[in-house]
Amino acid sequence: MASDFARQLRRDMTDAERCLWKHLRAHRFAGEKFRRQVPMGPYIVDFVSHRSRLIVELDGGQHAVQVEHDRERTRWLEGRGYRVIRFWNNQVLTETEPVLEAIALALAPSP
């Protein structure tokens, strides 16, 4: 079941997920009510704010060979009204502030 797998993913966070989660659940993003490892249709998304319809995905090295799968997944999610932004795990760990700024920009209302 997707929900059982999502539960397992929530228990076994990567260092990058742990780093990003501490920022998404508090501080400037607290009002967005991000959730993590959420089943959505046939997929499980890393972080989602249903309020802002934004999904933040973290990709590890295995995604370098899953490009088409990730494109299909993004199309499916965008087809349901969500915006999807992606970061590599190492970006989150070594360039945390620029990643947070990109998320803040994605959440900013369009002019």
PDB file of N, CA and C in Angstrom:
ATOM      1  N   MET A   1       0.831  -1.196   0.000  1.00  0.00           N
ATOM      2  CA  MET A   1       0.000   0.000   0.000  1.00  0.00           C
ATOM      3  C   MET A   1       0.873   1.257   0.000  1.00  0.00           C
ATOM      4  N   ALA A   2       0.422   2.280  -0.701  1.00  0.00           N
ATOM      5  CA  ALA A   2       1.174   3.528  -0.768  1.00  0.00           C
ATOM      6  C   ALA A   2       1.300   4.172   0.606  1.00  0.00           C
ATOM      7  N   SER A   3       0.239   4.109   1.413  1.00  0.00           N
ATOM      8  CA  SER A   3       0.288   4.755   2.729  1.00  0.00           C
ATOM      9  C   SER A   3       1.276   4.049   3.656  1.00  0.00           C
ATOM     10  N   ASP A   4       1.408   2.723   3.550  1.00  0.00           N
ATOM     11  CA  ASP A   4       2.399   1.999   4.352  1.00  0.00           C
ATOM     12  C   ASP A   4       3.811   2.378   3.930  1.00  0.00           C
ATOM     13  N   PHE A   5       4.026   2.470   2.615  1.00  0.00           N
ATOM     14  CA  PHE A   5       5.334   2.862   2.107  1.00  0.00           C
ATOM     15  C   PHE A   5       5.659   4.297   2.522  1.00  0.00           C
ATOM     16  N   ALA A   6       4.671   5.192   2.469  1.00  0.00           N
ATOM     17  CA  ALA A   6       4.874   6.580   2.887  1.00  0.00           C
ATOM     18  C   ALA A   6       5.253   6.648   4.363  1.00  0.00           C
ATOM     19  N   ARG A   7       4.596   5.829   5.180  1.00  0.00           N
ATOM     20  CA  ARG A   7       4.927   5.774   6.605  1.00  0.00           C
ATOM     21  C   ARG A   7       6.383   5.371   6.814  1.00  0.00           C
ATOM     22  N   GLN A   8       6.822   4.385   6.052  1.00  0.00           N
ATOM     23  CA  GLN A   8       8.214   3.932   6.139  1.00  0.00           C
ATOM     24  C   GLN A   8       9.167   5.056   5.730  1.00  0.00           C
ATOM     25  N   LEU A   9       8.835   5.777   4.664  1.00  0.00           N
ATOM     26  CA  LEU A   9       9.676   6.890   4.223  1.00  0.00           C
ATOM     27  C   LEU A   9       9.744   7.988   5.277  1.00  0.00           C
ATOM     28  N   ARG A  10       8.630   8.234   5.963  1.00  0.00           N
ATOM     29  CA  ARG A  10       8.623   9.257   7.025  1.00  0.00           C
ATOM     30  C   ARG A  10       9.548   8.866   8.161  1.00  0.00           C
ATOM     31  N   ARG A  11       9.640   7.567   8.447  1.00  0.00           N
ATOM     32  CA  ARG A  11      10.529   7.093   9.524  1.00  0.00           C
ATOM     33  C   ARG A  11      11.995   7.164   9.127  1.00  0.00           C
ATOM     34  N   ASP A  12      12.292   6.932   7.854  1.00  0.00           N
ATOM     35  CA  ASP A  12      13.677   6.808   7.394  1.00  0.00           C
ATOM     36  C   ASP A  12      14.106   8.013   6.558  1.00  0.00           C
ATOM     37  N   MET A  13      14.101   9.192   7.141  1.00  0.00           N
ATOM     38  CA  MET A  13      14.467  10.396   6.410  1.00  0.00           C
ATOM     39  C   MET A  13      15.954  10.416   6.079  1.00  0.00           C
ATOM     40  N   THR A  14      16.270  10.961   4.917  1.00  0.00           N
ATOM     41  CA  THR A  14      17.665  11.209   4.563  1.00  0.00           C
ATOM     42  C   THR A  14      18.130  12.466   5.289  1.00  0.00           C
ATOM     43  N   ASP A  15      19.433  12.704   5.298  1.00  0.00           N
ATOM     44  CA  ASP A  15      19.960  13.923   5.914  1.00  0.00           C
ATOM     45  C   ASP A  15      19.389  15.163   5.232  1.00  0.00           C
ATOM     46  N   ALA A  16      19.274  15.126   3.905  1.00  0.00           N
ATOM     47  CA  ALA A  16      18.730  16.270   3.167  1.00  0.00           C
ATOM     48  C   ALA A  16      17.261  16.500   3.525  1.00  0.00           C
ATOM     49  N   GLU A  17      16.478  15.439   3.619  1.00  0.00           N
ATOM     50  CA  GLU A  17      15.069  15.588   4.002  1.00  0.00           C
ATOM     51  C   GLU A  17      14.954  16.163   5.410  1.00  0.00           C
ATOM     52  N   ARG A  18      15.775  15.667   6.317  1.00  0.00           N
ATOM     53  CA  ARG A  18      15.759  16.153   7.698  1.00  0.00           C
ATOM     54  C   ARG A  18      16.104  17.647   7.742  1.00  0.00           C
ATOM     55  N   CYS A  19      17.128  18.036   6.985  1.00  0.00           N
ATOM     56  CA  CYS A  19      17.547  19.440   6.935  1.00  0.00           C
ATOM     57  C   CYS A  19      16.420  20.331   6.412  1.00  0.00           C
ATOM     58  N   LEU A  20      15.829  19.931   5.295  1.00  0.00           N
ATOM     59  CA  LEU A  20      14.774  20.754   4.706  1.00  0.00           C
ATOM     60  C   LEU A  20      13.517  20.757   5.565  1.00  0.00           C
ATOM     61  N   TRP A  21      13.165  19.629   6.141  1.00  0.00           N
ATOM     62  CA  TRP A  21      11.949  19.519   6.947  1.00  0.00           C
ATOM     63  C   TRP A  21      11.979  20.483   8.118  1.00  0.00           C
ATOM     64  N   LYS A  22      13.128  20.647   8.759  1.00  0.00           N
ATOM     65  CA  LYS A  22      13.178  21.550   9.915  1.00  0.00           C
ATOM     66  C   LYS A  22      12.858  22.988   9.507  1.00  0.00           C
ATOM     67  N   HIS A  23      13.136  23.343   8.252  1.00  0.00           N
ATOM     68  CA  HIS A  23      12.808  24.690   7.769  1.00  0.00           C
ATOM     69  C   HIS A  23      11.364  24.792   7.299  1.00  0.00           C
ATOM     70  N   LEU A  24      10.860  23.751   6.661  1.00  0.00           N
ATOM     71  CA  LEU A  24       9.505  23.812   6.112  1.00  0.00           C
ATOM     72  C   LEU A  24       8.427  23.769   7.177  1.00  0.00           C
ATOM     73  N   ARG A  25       8.705  23.146   8.296  1.00  0.00           N
ATOM     74  CA  ARG A  25       7.655  23.019   9.326  1.00  0.00           C
ATOM     75  C   ARG A  25       7.638  24.188  10.302  1.00  0.00           C
ATOM     76  N   ALA A  26       8.622  25.065  10.214  1.00  0.00           N
ATOM     77  CA  ALA A  26       8.716  26.171  11.175  1.00  0.00           C
ATOM     78  C   ALA A  26       9.175  27.437  10.460  1.00  0.00           C
ATOM     79  N   HIS A  27       9.422  28.441  11.249  1.00  0.00           N
ATOM     80  CA  HIS A  27       9.969  29.718  10.779  1.00  0.00           C
ATOM     81  C   HIS A  27       9.104  30.321   9.673  1.00  0.00           C
ATOM     82  N   ARG A  28       9.730  30.756   8.604  1.00  0.00           N
ATOM     83  CA  ARG A  28       8.994  31.500   7.582  1.00  0.00           C
ATOM     84  C   ARG A  28       8.018  30.643   6.785  1.00  0.00           C
ATOM     85  N   PHE A  29       8.139  29.333   6.844  1.00  0.00           N
ATOM     86  CA  PHE A  29       7.238  28.454   6.092  1.00  0.00           C
ATOM     87  C   PHE A  29       6.171  27.799   6.962  1.00  0.00           C
ATOM     88  N   ALA A  30       6.126  28.112   8.238  1.00  0.00           N
ATOM     89  CA  ALA A  30       5.205  27.438   9.165  1.00  0.00           C
ATOM     90  C   ALA A  30       3.743  27.578   8.723  1.00  0.00           C
ATOM     91  N   GLY A  31       3.368  28.728   8.216  1.00  0.00           N
ATOM     92  CA  GLY A  31       1.982  28.949   7.809  1.00  0.00           C
ATOM     93  C   GLY A  31       1.557  28.157   6.580  1.00  0.00           C
ATOM     94  N   GLU A  32       2.521  27.589   5.868  1.00  0.00           N
ATOM     95  CA  GLU A  32       2.207  26.823   4.664  1.00  0.00           C
ATOM     96  C   GLU A  32       1.729  25.406   4.982  1.00  0.00           C
ATOM     97  N   LYS A  33       1.960  24.974   6.220  1.00  0.00           N
ATOM     98  CA  LYS A  33       1.517  23.658   6.684  1.00  0.00           C
ATOM     99  C   LYS A  33       2.000  22.523   5.772  1.00  0.00           C
ATOM    100  N   PHE A  34       3.298  22.536   5.491  1.00  0.00           N
ATOM    101  CA  PHE A  34       3.877  21.462   4.686  1.00  0.00           C
ATOM    102  C   PHE A  34       3.705  20.130   5.388  1.00  0.00           C
ATOM    103  N   ARG A  35       3.479  19.105   4.597  1.00  0.00           N
ATOM    104  CA  ARG A  35       3.451  17.719   5.065  1.00  0.00           C
ATOM    105  C   ARG A  35       4.520  16.981   4.280  1.00  0.00           C
ATOM    106  N   ARG A  36       4.981  15.860   4.810  1.00  0.00           N
ATOM    107  CA  ARG A  36       6.034  15.142   4.101  1.00  0.00           C
ATOM    108  C   ARG A  36       5.649  13.700   3.848  1.00  0.00           C
ATOM    109  N   GLN A  37       6.195  13.185   2.738  1.00  0.00           N
ATOM    110  CA  GLN A  37       5.940  11.811   2.294  1.00  0.00           C
ATOM    111  C   GLN A  37       4.432  11.538   2.240  1.00  0.00           C
ATOM    112  N   VAL A  38       3.780  12.257   1.341  1.00  0.00           N
ATOM    113  CA  VAL A  38       2.320  12.214   1.228  1.00  0.00           C
ATOM    114  C   VAL A  38       1.914  11.455  -0.041  1.00  0.00           C
ATOM    115  N   PRO A  39       1.097  10.419   0.084  1.00  0.00           N
ATOM    116  CA  PRO A  39       0.582   9.742  -1.119  1.00  0.00           C
ATOM    117  C   PRO A  39      -0.345  10.675  -1.902  1.00  0.00           C
ATOM    118  N   MET A  40      -0.082  10.759  -3.204  1.00  0.00           N
ATOM    119  CA  MET A  40      -0.935  11.544  -4.109  1.00  0.00           C
ATOM    120  C   MET A  40      -1.109  10.709  -5.374  1.00  0.00           C
ATOM    121  N   GLY A  41      -2.283  10.151  -5.546  1.00  0.00           N
ATOM    122  CA  GLY A  41      -2.519   9.281  -6.681  1.00  0.00           C
ATOM    123  C   GLY A  41      -1.521   8.126  -6.652  1.00  0.00           C
ATOM    124  N   PRO A  42      -0.859   7.860  -7.776  1.00  0.00           N
ATOM    125  CA  PRO A  42       0.083   6.742  -7.821  1.00  0.00           C
ATOM    126  C   PRO A  42       1.471   7.084  -7.260  1.00  0.00           C
ATOM    127  N   TYR A  43       1.640   8.285  -6.726  1.00  0.00           N
ATOM    128  CA  TYR A  43       2.952   8.745  -6.290  1.00  0.00           C
ATOM    129  C   TYR A  43       2.970   9.079  -4.800  1.00  0.00           C
ATOM    130  N   ILE A  44       4.173   9.211  -4.277  1.00  0.00           N
ATOM    131  CA  ILE A  44       4.377   9.744  -2.925  1.00  0.00           C
ATOM    132  C   ILE A  44       5.284  10.948  -3.095  1.00  0.00           C
ATOM    133  N   VAL A  45       4.818  12.104  -2.659  1.00  0.00           N
ATOM    134  CA  VAL A  45       5.614  13.322  -2.818  1.00  0.00           C
ATOM    135  C   VAL A  45       6.401  13.577  -1.541  1.00  0.00           C
ATOM    136  N   ASP A  46       7.575  14.186  -1.696  1.00  0.00           N
ATOM    137  CA  ASP A  46       8.441  14.422  -0.542  1.00  0.00           C
ATOM    138  C   ASP A  46       7.830  15.436   0.421  1.00  0.00           C
ATOM    139  N   PHE A  47       7.491  16.629  -0.089  1.00  0.00           N
ATOM    140  CA  PHE A  47       6.904  17.672   0.746  1.00  0.00           C
ATOM    141  C   PHE A  47       5.808  18.362  -0.051  1.00  0.00           C
ATOM    142  N   VAL A  48       4.671  18.624   0.601  1.00  0.00           N
ATOM    143  CA  VAL A  48       3.580  19.300  -0.096  1.00  0.00           C
ATOM    144  C   VAL A  48       2.909  20.294   0.837  1.00  0.00           C
ATOM    145  N   SER A  49       2.600  21.454   0.265  1.00  0.00           N
ATOM    146  CA  SER A  49       1.722  22.419   0.920  1.00  0.00           C
ATOM    147  C   SER A  49       0.451  22.447   0.080  1.00  0.00           C
ATOM    148  N   HIS A  50      -0.596  21.817   0.602  1.00  0.00           N
ATOM    149  CA  HIS A  50      -1.873  21.827  -0.134  1.00  0.00           C
ATOM    150  C   HIS A  50      -2.415  23.250  -0.180  1.00  0.00           C
ATOM    151  N   ARG A  51      -2.119  24.018   0.855  1.00  0.00           N
ATOM    152  CA  ARG A  51      -2.584  25.407   0.928  1.00  0.00           C
ATOM    153  C   ARG A  51      -2.079  26.209  -0.260  1.00  0.00           C
ATOM    154  N   SER A  52      -0.799  26.058  -0.584  1.00  0.00           N
ATOM    155  CA  SER A  52      -0.185  26.805  -1.684  1.00  0.00           C
ATOM    156  C   SER A  52      -0.068  25.994  -2.968  1.00  0.00           C
ATOM    157  N   ARG A  53      -0.473  24.719  -2.903  1.00  0.00           N
ATOM    158  CA  ARG A  53      -0.404  23.833  -4.069  1.00  0.00           C
ATOM    159  C   ARG A  53       1.024  23.734  -4.605  1.00  0.00           C
ATOM    160  N   LEU A  54       1.973  23.612  -3.658  1.00  0.00           N
ATOM    161  CA  LEU A  54       3.385  23.502  -4.011  1.00  0.00           C
ATOM    162  C   LEU A  54       3.944  22.180  -3.500  1.00  0.00           C
ATOM    163  N   ILE A  55       4.668  21.490  -4.363  1.00  0.00           N
ATOM    164  CA  ILE A  55       5.355  20.252  -4.010  1.00  0.00           C
ATOM    165  C   ILE A  55       6.849  20.495  -4.148  1.00  0.00           C
ATOM    166  N   VAL A  56       7.597  20.101  -3.119  1.00  0.00           N
ATOM    167  CA  VAL A  56       9.054  20.188  -3.138  1.00  0.00           C
ATOM    168  C   VAL A  56       9.586  18.762  -3.139  1.00  0.00           C
ATOM    169  N   GLU A  57      10.339  18.428  -4.177  1.00  0.00           N
ATOM    170  CA  GLU A  57      10.901  17.099  -4.323  1.00  0.00           C
ATOM    171  C   GLU A  57      12.410  17.148  -4.111  1.00  0.00           C
ATOM    172  N   LEU A  58      12.934  16.177  -3.396  1.00  0.00           N
ATOM    173  CA  LEU A  58      14.377  16.028  -3.219  1.00  0.00           C
ATOM    174  C   LEU A  58      14.811  14.783  -3.963  1.00  0.00           C
ATOM    175  N   ASP A  59      15.811  14.938  -4.790  1.00  0.00           N
ATOM    176  CA  ASP A  59      16.279  13.836  -5.611  1.00  0.00           C
ATOM    177  C   ASP A  59      17.687  13.436  -5.216  1.00  0.00           C
ATOM    178  N   GLY A  60      17.877  12.153  -5.071  1.00  0.00           N
ATOM    179  CA  GLY A  60      19.208  11.601  -4.851  1.00  0.00           C
ATOM    180  C   GLY A  60      19.801  11.145  -6.166  1.00  0.00           C
ATOM    181  N   GLY A  61      20.946  10.542  -6.113  1.00  0.00           N
ATOM    182  CA  GLY A  61      21.639  10.096  -7.315  1.00  0.00           C
ATOM    183  C   GLY A  61      20.842   9.158  -8.194  1.00  0.00           C
ATOM    184  N   GLN A  62      19.947   8.366  -7.605  1.00  0.00           N
ATOM    185  CA  GLN A  62      19.168   7.412  -8.395  1.00  0.00           C
ATOM    186  C   GLN A  62      18.281   8.118  -9.404  1.00  0.00           C
ATOM    187  N   HIS A  63      17.963   9.372  -9.187  1.00  0.00           N
ATOM    188  CA  HIS A  63      17.075  10.090 -10.100  1.00  0.00           C
ATOM    189  C   HIS A  63      17.765  10.478 -11.401  1.00  0.00           C
ATOM    190  N   ALA A  64      19.083  10.398 -11.429  1.00  0.00           N
ATOM    191  CA  ALA A  64      19.799  10.707 -12.662  1.00  0.00           C
ATOM    192  C   ALA A  64      19.411   9.741 -13.775  1.00  0.00           C
ATOM    193  N   VAL A  65      18.990   8.548 -13.414  1.00  0.00           N
ATOM    194  CA  VAL A  65      18.571   7.570 -14.419  1.00  0.00           C
ATOM    195  C   VAL A  65      17.048   7.453 -14.510  1.00  0.00           C
ATOM    196  N   GLN A  66      16.338   8.254 -13.743  1.00  0.00           N
ATOM    197  CA  GLN A  66      14.874   8.207 -13.732  1.00  0.00           C
ATOM    198  C   GLN A  66      14.265   9.487 -14.286  1.00  0.00           C
ATOM    199  N   VAL A  67      14.957  10.112 -15.212  1.00  0.00           N
ATOM    200  CA  VAL A  67      14.522  11.416 -15.720  1.00  0.00           C
ATOM    201  C   VAL A  67      13.120  11.350 -16.310  1.00  0.00           C
ATOM    202  N   GLU A  68      12.846  10.377 -17.146  1.00  0.00           N
ATOM    203  CA  GLU A  68      11.521  10.299 -17.772  1.00  0.00           C
ATOM    204  C   GLU A  68      10.432  10.022 -16.739  1.00  0.00           C
ATOM    205  N   HIS A  69      10.720   9.157 -15.786  1.00  0.00           N
ATOM    206  CA  HIS A  69       9.760   8.891 -14.710  1.00  0.00           C
ATOM    207  C   HIS A  69       9.456  10.180 -13.940  1.00  0.00           C
ATOM    208  N   ASP A  70      10.499  10.961 -13.630  1.00  0.00           N
ATOM    209  CA  ASP A  70      10.288  12.213 -12.910  1.00  0.00           C
ATOM    210  C   ASP A  70       9.491  13.209 -13.738  1.00  0.00           C
ATOM    211  N   ARG A  71       9.726  13.254 -15.043  1.00  0.00           N
ATOM    212  CA  ARG A  71       8.940  14.149 -15.917  1.00  0.00           C
ATOM    213  C   ARG A  71       7.470  13.742 -15.922  1.00  0.00           C
ATOM    214  N   GLU A  72       7.225  12.442 -16.046  1.00  0.00           N
ATOM    215  CA  GLU A  72       5.852  11.932 -16.056  1.00  0.00           C
ATOM    216  C   GLU A  72       5.156  12.267 -14.731  1.00  0.00           C
ATOM    217  N   ARG A  73       5.856  12.052 -13.660  1.00  0.00           N
ATOM    218  CA  ARG A  73       5.326  12.340 -12.329  1.00  0.00           C
ATOM    219  C   ARG A  73       4.990  13.822 -12.189  1.00  0.00           C
ATOM    220  N   THR A  74       5.907  14.678 -12.632  1.00  0.00           N
ATOM    221  CA  THR A  74       5.681  16.130 -12.562  1.00  0.00           C
ATOM    222  C   THR A  74       4.475  16.522 -13.401  1.00  0.00           C
ATOM    223  N   ARG A  75       4.370  15.982 -14.620  1.00  0.00           N
ATOM    224  CA  ARG A  75       3.205  16.292 -15.474  1.00  0.00           C
ATOM    225  C   ARG A  75       1.901  15.888 -14.782  1.00  0.00           C
ATOM    226  N   TRP A  76       1.901  14.703 -14.176  1.00  0.00           N
ATOM    227  CA  TRP A  76       0.704  14.214 -13.500  1.00  0.00           C
ATOM    228  C   TRP A  76       0.316  15.157 -12.355  1.00  0.00           C
ATOM    229  N   LEU A  77       1.281  15.552 -11.544  1.00  0.00           N
ATOM    230  CA  LEU A  77       1.009  16.426 -10.405  1.00  0.00           C
ATOM    231  C   LEU A  77       0.583  17.823 -10.860  1.00  0.00           C
ATOM    232  N   GLU A  78       1.258  18.351 -11.884  1.00  0.00           N
ATOM    233  CA  GLU A  78       0.878  19.668 -12.404  1.00  0.00           C
ATOM    234  C   GLU A  78      -0.511  19.625 -13.035  1.00  0.00           C
ATOM    235  N   GLY A  79      -0.873  18.492 -13.598  1.00  0.00           N
ATOM    236  CA  GLY A  79      -2.211  18.329 -14.161  1.00  0.00           C
ATOM    237  C   GLY A  79      -3.307  18.393 -13.108  1.00  0.00           C
ATOM    238  N   ARG A  80      -2.921  18.253 -11.855  1.00  0.00           N
ATOM    239  CA  ARG A  80      -3.862  18.363 -10.744  1.00  0.00           C
ATOM    240  C   ARG A  80      -3.733  19.697 -10.019  1.00  0.00           C
ATOM    241  N   GLY A  81      -3.042  20.640 -10.651  1.00  0.00           N
ATOM    242  CA  GLY A  81      -2.981  22.002 -10.126  1.00  0.00           C
ATOM    243  C   GLY A  81      -1.842  22.301  -9.158  1.00  0.00           C
ATOM    244  N   TYR A  82      -0.873  21.412  -9.063  1.00  0.00           N
ATOM    245  CA  TYR A  82       0.265  21.644  -8.169  1.00  0.00           C
ATOM    246  C   TYR A  82       1.463  22.137  -8.963  1.00  0.00           C
ATOM    247  N   ARG A  83       2.274  22.974  -8.337  1.00  0.00           N
ATOM    248  CA  ARG A  83       3.572  23.353  -8.889  1.00  0.00           C
ATOM    249  C   ARG A  83       4.599  22.436  -8.237  1.00  0.00           C
ATOM    250  N   VAL A  84       5.567  21.993  -9.009  1.00  0.00           N
ATOM    251  CA  VAL A  84       6.589  21.077  -8.506  1.00  0.00           C
ATOM    252  C   VAL A  84       7.956  21.720  -8.691  1.00  0.00           C
ATOM    253  N   ILE A  85       8.725  21.788  -7.599  1.00  0.00           N
ATOM    254  CA  ILE A  85      10.115  22.224  -7.708  1.00  0.00           C
ATOM    255  C   ILE A  85      10.990  21.106  -7.152  1.00  0.00           C
ATOM    256  N   ARG A  86      12.159  20.954  -7.752  1.00  0.00           N
ATOM    257  CA  ARG A  86      13.057  19.853  -7.405  1.00  0.00           C
ATOM    258  C   ARG A  86      14.435  20.370  -7.039  1.00  0.00           C
ATOM    259  N   PHE A  87      15.017  19.695  -6.089  1.00  0.00           N
ATOM    260  CA  PHE A  87      16.394  19.979  -5.681  1.00  0.00           C
ATOM    261  C   PHE A  87      17.122  18.662  -5.501  1.00  0.00           C
ATOM    262  N   TRP A  88      18.410  18.671  -5.727  1.00  0.00           N
ATOM    263  CA  TRP A  88      19.245  17.513  -5.422  1.00  0.00           C
ATOM    264  C   TRP A  88      19.534  17.522  -3.932  1.00  0.00           C
ATOM    265  N   ASN A  89      19.703  16.348  -3.374  1.00  0.00           N
ATOM    266  CA  ASN A  89      20.024  16.242  -1.946  1.00  0.00           C
ATOM    267  C   ASN A  89      21.225  17.102  -1.572  1.00  0.00           C
ATOM    268  N   ASN A  90      22.300  17.047  -2.390  1.00  0.00           N
ATOM    269  CA  ASN A  90      23.498  17.811  -2.038  1.00  0.00           C
ATOM    270  C   ASN A  90      23.255  19.314  -2.067  1.00  0.00           C
ATOM    271  N   GLN A  91      22.330  19.795  -2.895  1.00  0.00           N
ATOM    272  CA  GLN A  91      21.981  21.218  -2.892  1.00  0.00           C
ATOM    273  C   GLN A  91      21.425  21.625  -1.533  1.00  0.00           C
ATOM    274  N   VAL A  92      20.525  20.811  -1.019  1.00  0.00           N
ATOM    275  CA  VAL A  92      19.892  21.124   0.261  1.00  0.00           C
ATOM    276  C   VAL A  92      20.940  21.154   1.374  1.00  0.00           C
ATOM    277  N   LEU A  93      21.884  20.232   1.319  1.00  0.00           N
ATOM    278  CA  LEU A  93      22.885  20.125   2.383  1.00  0.00           C
ATOM    279  C   LEU A  93      23.988  21.169   2.279  1.00  0.00           C
ATOM    280  N   THR A  94      24.351  21.579   1.069  1.00  0.00           N
ATOM    281  CA  THR A  94      25.487  22.499   0.919  1.00  0.00           C
ATOM    282  C   THR A  94      25.085  23.912   0.523  1.00  0.00           C
ATOM    283  N   GLU A  95      23.875  24.071   0.003  1.00  0.00           N
ATOM    284  CA  GLU A  95      23.397  25.385  -0.439  1.00  0.00           C
ATOM    285  C   GLU A  95      22.004  25.637   0.133  1.00  0.00           C
ATOM    286  N   THR A  96      21.870  25.442   1.429  1.00  0.00           N
ATOM    287  CA  THR A  96      20.552  25.487   2.069  1.00  0.00           C
ATOM    288  C   THR A  96      19.843  26.818   1.851  1.00  0.00           C
ATOM    289  N   GLU A  97      20.527  27.915   2.067  1.00  0.00           N
ATOM    290  CA  GLU A  97      19.864  29.220   1.958  1.00  0.00           C
ATOM    291  C   GLU A  97      19.343  29.496   0.548  1.00  0.00           C
ATOM    292  N   PRO A  98      20.120  29.245  -0.512  1.00  0.00           N
ATOM    293  CA  PRO A  98      19.544  29.434  -1.859  1.00  0.00           C
ATOM    294  C   PRO A  98      18.342  28.522  -2.131  1.00  0.00           C
ATOM    295  N   VAL A  99      18.349  27.319  -1.601  1.00  0.00           N
ATOM    296  CA  VAL A  99      17.204  26.417  -1.753  1.00  0.00           C
ATOM    297  C   VAL A  99      15.984  27.022  -1.061  1.00  0.00           C
ATOM    298  N   LEU A 100      16.178  27.527   0.157  1.00  0.00           N
ATOM    299  CA  LEU A 100      15.061  28.132   0.892  1.00  0.00           C
ATOM    300  C   LEU A 100      14.538  29.371   0.177  1.00  0.00           C
ATOM    301  N   GLU A 101      15.444  30.138  -0.417  1.00  0.00           N
ATOM    302  CA  GLU A 101      15.022  31.319  -1.179  1.00  0.00           C
ATOM    303  C   GLU A 101      14.201  30.907  -2.401  1.00  0.00           C
ATOM    304  N   ALA A 102      14.607  29.846  -3.078  1.00  0.00           N
ATOM    305  CA  ALA A 102      13.848  29.359  -4.242  1.00  0.00           C
ATOM    306  C   ALA A 102      12.448  28.905  -3.829  1.00  0.00           C
ATOM    307  N   ILE A 103      12.351  28.265  -2.678  1.00  0.00           N
ATOM    308  CA  ILE A 103      11.036  27.847  -2.174  1.00  0.00           C
ATOM    309  C   ILE A 103      10.197  29.069  -1.830  1.00  0.00           C
ATOM    310  N   ALA A 104      10.802  30.048  -1.190  1.00  0.00           N
ATOM    311  CA  ALA A 104      10.077  31.282  -0.848  1.00  0.00           C
ATOM    312  C   ALA A 104       9.571  31.977  -2.124  1.00  0.00           C
ATOM    313  N   LEU A 105      10.397  32.011  -3.154  1.00  0.00           N
ATOM    314  CA  LEU A 105       9.969  32.614  -4.434  1.00  0.00           C
ATOM    315  C   LEU A 105       8.804  31.847  -5.039  1.00  0.00           C
ATOM    316  N   ALA A 106       8.855  30.526  -4.967  1.00  0.00           N
ATOM    317  CA  ALA A 106       7.768  29.705  -5.498  1.00  0.00           C
ATOM    318  C   ALA A 106       6.467  29.942  -4.735  1.00  0.00           C
ATOM    319  N   LEU A 107       6.582  30.286  -3.465  1.00  0.00           N
ATOM    320  CA  LEU A 107       5.391  30.521  -2.636  1.00  0.00           C
ATOM    321  C   LEU A 107       4.865  31.946  -2.752  1.00  0.00           C
ATOM    322  N   ALA A 108       5.697  32.853  -3.250  1.00  0.00           N
ATOM    323  CA  ALA A 108       5.293  34.268  -3.347  1.00  0.00           C
ATOM    324  C   ALA A 108       4.147  34.405  -4.360  1.00  0.00           C
ATOM    325  N   PRO A 109       3.181  35.262  -4.022  1.00  0.00           N
ATOM    326  CA  PRO A 109       2.079  35.466  -4.956  1.00  0.00           C
ATOM    327  C   PRO A 109       2.581  36.076  -6.266  1.00  0.00           C
ATOM    328  N   SER A 110       1.992  35.664  -7.356  1.00  0.00           N
ATOM    329  CA  SER A 110       2.355  36.225  -8.662  1.00  0.00           C
ATOM    330  C   SER A 110       1.849  37.649  -8.756  1.00  0.00           C
ATOM    331  N   PRO A 111       2.651  38.536  -9.368  1.00  0.00           N
ATOM    332  CA  PRO A 111       2.211  39.943  -9.491  1.00  0.00           C
ATOM    333  C   PRO A 111       1.068  40.103 -10.467  1.00  0.00           C
TER     334      PRO A 111
END
